[in-house]
C-alpha atoms as a PDB file:
ATOM      1  CA  MET A   1      69.966  91.578 110.370  1.00  0.00           C
ATOM      2  CA  MET A   2      66.480  91.504 111.700  1.00  0.00           C
ATOM      3  CA  LEU A   3      66.797  87.936 111.956  1.00  0.00           C
ATOM      4  CA  LEU A   4      68.755  88.211 114.199  1.00  0.00           C
ATOM      5  CA  TRP A   5      67.023  89.952 115.754  1.00  0.00           C
ATOM      6  CA  TYR A   6      63.826  88.490 116.038  1.00  0.00           C
ATOM      7  CA  THR A   7      65.476  85.320 116.778  1.00  0.00           C
ATOM      8  CA  SER A   8      67.104  86.101 120.496  1.00  0.00           C
ATOM      9  CA  ARG A   9      63.693  87.719 121.535  1.00  0.00           C
ATOM     10  CA  SER A  10      61.901  85.034 120.781  1.00  0.00           C
ATOM     11  CA  ALA A  11      64.355  82.516 122.351  1.00  0.00           C
ATOM     12  CA  GLY A  12      64.642  84.993 125.316  1.00  0.00           C
ATOM     13  CA  LEU A  13      60.774  84.473 125.585  1.00  0.00           C
ATOM     14  CA  LEU A  14      60.381  80.911 124.999  1.00  0.00           C
ATOM     15  CA  SER A  15      62.787  80.819 127.908  1.00  0.00           C
ATOM     16  CA  GLN A  16      61.069  82.908 129.846  1.00  0.00           C
ATOM     17  CA  ILE A  17      57.692  80.229 129.362  1.00  0.00           C
ATOM     18  CA  LEU A  18      59.860  77.169 129.393  1.00  0.00           C
ATOM     19  CA  LEU A  19      61.779  78.215 132.758  1.00  0.00           C
ATOM     20  CA  SER A  20      58.285  79.728 134.538  1.00  0.00           C
ATOM     21  CA  ALA A  21      56.637  76.320 133.096  1.00  0.00           C
ATOM     22  CA  THR A  22      60.107  74.352 134.921  1.00  0.00           C
ATOM     23  CA  MET A  23      59.164  76.567 137.764  1.00  0.00           C
ATOM     24  CA  VAL A  24      56.152  75.118 138.379  1.00  0.00           C
ATOM     25  CA  LEU A  25      56.472  71.220 138.118  1.00  0.00           C
ATOM     26  CA  GLY A  26      59.020  71.723 140.342  1.00  0.00           C
ATOM     27  CA  ILE A  27      56.964  73.314 143.323  1.00  0.00           C
ATOM     28  CA  THR A  28      54.432  70.911 141.937  1.00  0.00           C
ATOM     29  CA  GLY A  29      56.813  68.620 142.185  1.00  0.00           C
ATOM     30  CA  VAL A  30      58.282  68.854 146.324  1.00  0.00           C
ATOM     31  CA  MET A  31      54.845  69.469 146.855  1.00  0.00           C
ATOM     32  CA  ARG A  32      53.503  65.687 145.923  1.00  0.00           C
ATOM     33  CA  LEU A  33      51.261  66.964 143.666  1.00  0.00           C
ATOM     34  CA  ASN A  34      50.095  63.255 141.166  1.00  0.00           C
ATOM     35  CA  ALA A  35      48.278  64.248 137.495  1.00  0.00           C
ATOM     36  CA  PRO A  36      45.046  61.374 137.642  1.00  0.00           C
ATOM     37  CA  GLY A  37      46.824  59.213 135.458  1.00  0.00           C
ATOM     38  CA  TRP A  38      49.972  60.050 135.060  1.00  0.00           C
ATOM     39  CA  PRO A  39      52.766  58.564 136.705  1.00  0.00           C
ATOM     40  CA  ARG A  40      55.284  60.114 139.454  1.00  0.00           C
ATOM     41  CA  PHE A  41      57.958  59.986 137.104  1.00  0.00           C
ATOM     42  CA  VAL A  42      56.608  61.622 134.055  1.00  0.00           C
ATOM     43  CA  LEU A  43      55.813  65.041 135.943  1.00  0.00           C
ATOM     44  CA  THR A  44      59.644  64.226 137.193  1.00  0.00           C
ATOM     45  CA  HIS A  45      60.540  63.476 133.775  1.00  0.00           C
ATOM     46  CA  LEU A  46      58.779  66.536 131.552  1.00  0.00           C
ATOM     47  CA  HIS A  47      60.931  68.545 134.384  1.00  0.00           C
ATOM     48  CA  ARG A  48      64.085  67.614 133.779  1.00  0.00           C
ATOM     49  CA  ASN A  49      63.483  67.455 129.957  1.00  0.00           C
ATOM     50  CA  LEU A  50      62.390  71.504 130.347  1.00  0.00           C
ATOM     51  CA  SER A  51      65.039  72.310 132.443  1.00  0.00           C
ATOM     52  CA  LEU A  52      66.936  71.325 129.462  1.00  0.00           C
ATOM     53  CA  LEU A  53      64.879  72.071 126.571  1.00  0.00           C
ATOM     54  CA  THR A  54      64.993  75.554 127.906  1.00  0.00           C
ATOM     55  CA  LEU A  55      68.749  75.538 128.048  1.00  0.00           C
ATOM     56  CA  VAL A  56      68.539  75.440 124.097  1.00  0.00           C
ATOM     57  CA  PHE A  57      66.367  78.670 123.949  1.00  0.00           C
ATOM     58  CA  LEU A  58      69.004  79.726 126.283  1.00  0.00           C
ATOM     59  CA  VAL A  59      71.970  79.157 123.485  1.00  0.00           C
ATOM     60  CA  VAL A  60      69.992  80.317 120.634  1.00  0.00           C
ATOM     61  CA  HIS A  61      68.718  83.626 122.595  1.00  0.00           C
ATOM     62  CA  ILE A  62      72.644  84.820 124.044  1.00  0.00           C
ATOM     63  CA  SER A  63      73.903  83.142 120.463  1.00  0.00           C
ATOM     64  CA  THR A  64      71.920  85.581 118.117  1.00  0.00           C
ATOM     65  CA  ALA A  65      72.191  88.331 120.578  1.00  0.00           C
ATOM     66  CA  VAL A  66      75.763  88.347 120.736  1.00  0.00           C
ATOM     67  CA  ILE A  67      75.754  87.521 116.584  1.00  0.00           C
ATOM     68  CA  ASP A  68      73.715  90.215 115.825  1.00  0.00           C
ATOM     69  CA  PRO A  69      76.245  93.849 114.840  1.00  0.00           C
ATOM     70  CA  TYR A  70      73.381  95.853 115.770  1.00  0.00           C
ATOM     71  CA  VAL A  71      74.561  96.294 119.023  1.00  0.00           C
ATOM     72  CA  SER A  72      77.646  94.891 120.239  1.00  0.00           C
ATOM     73  CA  ILE A  73      77.989  92.612 122.685  1.00  0.00           C
ATOM     74  CA  ARG A  74      80.941  89.971 123.375  1.00  0.00           C
ATOM     75  CA  TRP A  75      80.767  85.712 124.182  1.00  0.00           C
ATOM     76  CA  ILE A  76      82.564  87.313 127.951  1.00  0.00           C
ATOM     77  CA  ASP A  77      79.635  90.045 127.911  1.00  0.00           C
ATOM     78  CA  ALA A  78      77.262  87.193 128.150  1.00  0.00           C
ATOM     79  CA  VAL A  79      79.085  84.999 131.250  1.00  0.00           C
ATOM     80  CA  VAL A  80      81.070  87.684 133.028  1.00  0.00           C
ATOM     81  CA  PRO A  81      78.061  89.930 135.248  1.00  0.00           C
ATOM     82  CA  PHE A  82      77.911  93.148 134.488  1.00  0.00           C
ATOM     83  CA  THR A  83      81.409  93.843 131.951  1.00  0.00           C
ATOM     84  CA  SER A  84      79.063  94.527 129.376  1.00  0.00           C
ATOM     85  CA  SER A  85      79.540  98.672 128.422  1.00  0.00           C
ATOM     86  CA  TYR A  86      76.036  97.948 126.551  1.00  0.00           C
ATOM     87  CA  GLU A  87      72.887  97.692 128.978  1.00  0.00           C
ATOM     88  CA  THR A  88      75.536  96.768 131.682  1.00  0.00           C
ATOM     89  CA  LEU A  89      72.610  95.809 134.557  1.00  0.00           C
ATOM     90  CA  TRP A  90      70.544  93.795 132.800  1.00  0.00           C
ATOM     91  CA  LEU A  91      73.085  92.083 130.179  1.00  0.00           C
ATOM     92  CA  GLY A  92      74.323  92.183 133.731  1.00  0.00           C
ATOM     93  CA  LEU A  93      71.360  89.870 135.507  1.00  0.00           C
ATOM     94  CA  GLY A  94      71.139  87.665 132.613  1.00  0.00           C
ATOM     95  CA  ALA A  95      74.312  86.426 133.156  1.00  0.00           C
ATOM     96  CA  VAL A  96      73.537  86.261 136.369  1.00  0.00           C
ATOM     97  CA  ALA A  97      70.413  83.909 135.431  1.00  0.00           C
ATOM     98  CA  LEU A  98      71.910  82.111 132.842  1.00  0.00           C
ATOM     99  CA  GLU A  99      75.030  80.970 135.476  1.00  0.00           C
ATOM    100  CA  LEU A 100      72.352  79.751 138.000  1.00  0.00           C
ATOM    101  CA  VAL A 101      70.396  78.001 135.638  1.00  0.00           C
ATOM    102  CA  ILE A 102      73.687  76.110 134.290  1.00  0.00           C
ATOM    103  CA  ALA A 103      75.378  75.353 137.806  1.00  0.00           C
ATOM    104  CA  LEU A 104      70.728  73.983 138.425  1.00  0.00           C
ATOM    105  CA  ILE A 105      71.339  71.703 135.589  1.00  0.00           C
ATOM    106  CA  ALA A 106      75.359  70.376 136.591  1.00  0.00           C
ATOM    107  CA  THR A 107      74.300  69.999 139.478  1.00  0.00           C
ATOM    108  CA  SER A 108      70.744  68.117 138.917  1.00  0.00           C
ATOM    109  CA  LEU A 109      72.259  66.093 136.623  1.00  0.00           C
ATOM    110  CA  LEU A 110      75.288  65.261 139.084  1.00  0.00           C
ATOM    111  CA  ARG A 111      72.632  64.311 142.254  1.00  0.00           C
ATOM    112  CA  ALA A 112      73.054  61.164 142.664  1.00  0.00           C
ATOM    113  CA  ARG A 113      76.824  61.953 143.312  1.00  0.00           C
ATOM    114  CA  ILE A 114      76.487  64.751 145.106  1.00  0.00           C
ATOM    115  CA  GLY A 115      73.500  63.747 147.939  1.00  0.00           C
ATOM    116  CA  LEU A 116      70.143  64.331 147.575  1.00  0.00           C
ATOM    117  CA  ALA A 117      70.841  66.397 150.869  1.00  0.00           C
ATOM    118  CA  THR A 118      73.285  68.694 148.874  1.00  0.00           C
ATOM    119  CA  TRP A 119      71.521  68.944 145.624  1.00  0.00           C
ATOM    120  CA  ARG A 120      68.590  70.157 147.527  1.00  0.00           C
ATOM    121  CA  GLY A 121      70.205  72.498 148.938  1.00  0.00           C
ATOM    122  CA  LEU A 122      71.868  73.953 145.781  1.00  0.00           C
ATOM    123  CA  HIS A 123      68.223  74.074 144.165  1.00  0.00           C
ATOM    124  CA  TRP A 124      66.760  76.923 146.295  1.00  0.00           C
ATOM    125  CA  ALA A 125      69.086  78.615 143.801  1.00  0.00           C
ATOM    126  CA  THR A 126      65.687  78.191 141.424  1.00  0.00           C
ATOM    127  CA  TYR A 127      63.933  80.691 143.059  1.00  0.00           C
ATOM    128  CA  ALA A 128      66.561  83.417 142.727  1.00  0.00           C
ATOM    129  CA  CYS A 129      66.710  82.176 139.416  1.00  0.00           C
ATOM    130  CA  TRP A 130      63.664  82.886 137.694  1.00  0.00           C
ATOM    131  CA  PRO A 131      62.685  86.086 139.623  1.00  0.00           C
ATOM    132  CA  ILE A 132      66.833  87.649 138.146  1.00  0.00           C
ATOM    133  CA  ALA A 133      65.649  86.590 134.440  1.00  0.00           C
ATOM    134  CA  VAL A 134      62.643  87.827 134.509  1.00  0.00           C
ATOM    135  CA  ILE A 135      63.865  91.213 135.607  1.00  0.00           C
ATOM    136  CA  HIS A 136      66.769  91.061 133.048  1.00  0.00           C
ATOM    137  CA  GLY A 137      63.436  90.643 129.740  1.00  0.00           C
ATOM    138  CA  LEU A 138      62.185  93.441 131.186  1.00  0.00           C
ATOM    139  CA  GLY A 139      65.591  95.468 131.782  1.00  0.00           C
ATOM    140  CA  ILE A 140      66.585  94.807 128.469  1.00  0.00           C
ATOM    141  CA  GLY A 141      64.276  94.981 125.523  1.00  0.00           C
ATOM    142  CA  GLY A 142      63.240  97.816 125.471  1.00  0.00           C
ATOM    143  CA  GLN A 143      59.749  99.115 123.743  1.00  0.00           C
ATOM    144  CA  ASP A 144      59.328  95.716 122.838  1.00  0.00           C
ATOM    145  CA  THR A 145      58.334  94.695 126.660  1.00  0.00           C
ATOM    146  CA  ARG A 146      55.180  97.392 126.615  1.00  0.00           C
ATOM    147  CA  THR A 147      53.960  95.659 123.820  1.00  0.00           C
ATOM    148  CA  PRO A 148      50.545  94.732 125.332  1.00  0.00           C
ATOM    149  CA  TRP A 149      51.126  91.105 124.150  1.00  0.00           C
ATOM    150  CA  ILE A 150      54.444  90.653 125.561  1.00  0.00           C
ATOM    151  CA  VAL A 151      52.687  91.867 129.078  1.00  0.00           C
ATOM    152  CA  ALA A 152      50.203  89.528 128.815  1.00  0.00           C
ATOM    153  CA  LEU A 153      52.768  87.498 128.186  1.00  0.00           C
ATOM    154  CA  THR A 154      55.581  88.726 131.697  1.00  0.00           C
ATOM    155  CA  GLY A 155      52.502  89.249 134.052  1.00  0.00           C
ATOM    156  CA  ALA A 156      50.566  85.052 132.796  1.00  0.00           C
ATOM    157  CA  CYS A 157      54.225  84.495 133.721  1.00  0.00           C
ATOM    158  CA  VAL A 158      54.694  85.722 136.267  1.00  0.00           C
ATOM    159  CA  ALA A 159      51.397  85.156 137.863  1.00  0.00           C
ATOM    160  CA  VAL A 160      51.649  81.423 137.743  1.00  0.00           C
ATOM    161  CA  VAL A 161      54.934  80.328 139.128  1.00  0.00           C
ATOM    162  CA  LEU A 162      54.085  83.175 142.076  1.00  0.00           C
ATOM    163  CA  GLY A 163      50.033  80.986 142.410  1.00  0.00           C
ATOM    164  CA  ALA A 164      51.736  77.889 143.009  1.00  0.00           C
ATOM    165  CA  LEU A 165      54.942  79.585 145.125  1.00  0.00           C
ATOM    166  CA  ALA A 166      51.497  80.455 146.795  1.00  0.00           C
ATOM    167  CA  TRP A 167      49.981  77.788 146.971  1.00  0.00           C
ATOM    168  CA  ARG A 168      52.973  75.487 148.065  1.00  0.00           C
ATOM    169  CA  LEU A 169      53.246  78.176 150.974  1.00  0.00           C
ATOM    170  CA  VAL A 170      49.702  77.272 151.798  1.00  0.00           C
ATOM    171  CA  ALA A 171      49.442  73.709 151.088  1.00  0.00           C
ATOM    172  CA  ALA A 172      53.080  73.454 152.408  1.00  0.00           C
ATOM    173  CA  PRO A 173      52.445  71.848 155.946  1.00  0.00           C
ATOM    174  CA  SER A 174      49.529  69.613 155.462  1.00  0.00           C
ATOM    175  CA  ASN A 175      50.977  67.818 152.021  1.00  0.00           C
ATOM    176  CA  HIS A 176      54.257  67.127 154.039  1.00  0.00           C
ATOM    177  CA  PRO A 177      54.935  64.039 156.325  1.00  0.00           C
ATOM    178  CA  GLN A 178      55.801  63.782 159.825  1.00  0.00           C
ATOM    179  CA  PRO A 179      59.102  63.444 160.874  1.00  0.00           C
ATOM    180  CA  VAL A 180      60.487  59.478 161.727  1.00  0.00           C
ATOM    181  CA  GLY A 181      59.744  58.247 165.049  1.00  0.00           C
ATOM    182  CA  ALA A 182      56.834  60.947 165.383  1.00  0.00           C
ATOM    183  CA  THR A 183      53.003  60.482 165.388  1.00  0.00           C
ATOM    184  CA  ARG A 184      49.575  61.374 165.236  1.00  0.00           C
ATOM    185  CA  ARG A 185      46.806  59.982 166.340  1.00  0.00           C
ATOM    186  CA  VAL A 186      43.686  62.540 165.583  1.00  0.00           C
ATOM    187  CA  GLY A 187      40.908  61.996 168.264  1.00  0.00           C
ATOM    188  CA  VAL A 188      43.063  60.285 170.819  1.00  0.00           C
ATOM    189  CA  THR A 189      44.014  61.519 173.999  1.00  0.00           C
ATOM    190  CA  ARG A 190      47.156  60.922 175.648  1.00  0.00           C
ATOM    191  CA  ARG A 191      47.476  60.402 179.779  1.00  0.00           C
END
């Protein structure tokens, strides 16, 4: 049954990579970053499709973990946080991250019905989902998380997302439009 174990671990790592890429695309989308030659809608669609692909790999990750007879994980343990007798904390964090991903995707699909302001407010949950998912992977992975290539992969995901967040914090004031009615005149003094 090593195939199930390898599939679960691989799908979990791919989910981490995809979730990190989705975070970076979301951050760059907020900052109105445009790639030369790519219309803005391409980045928006790529962000949405990576989110859905992340969900697909999460389903594979969870399904193979539950089906694998090596460890006793029930379906309820995968969706109800902190109910498992196996690695209660780490598996519970994974369940929390899964619920946040589902909520983010559901609210994104319903964005036209719930309104942009509500959607934006709910979308802030991304900033909780991603680190919870990373911590889940580090905690539940056991010996694997200390393997050099997994350390490098996780470190790269963390560095890229933190770099994008740092860039957003530094660049945010200059990239956002002025409030409606506000004027900014460069080189003109008021009398």
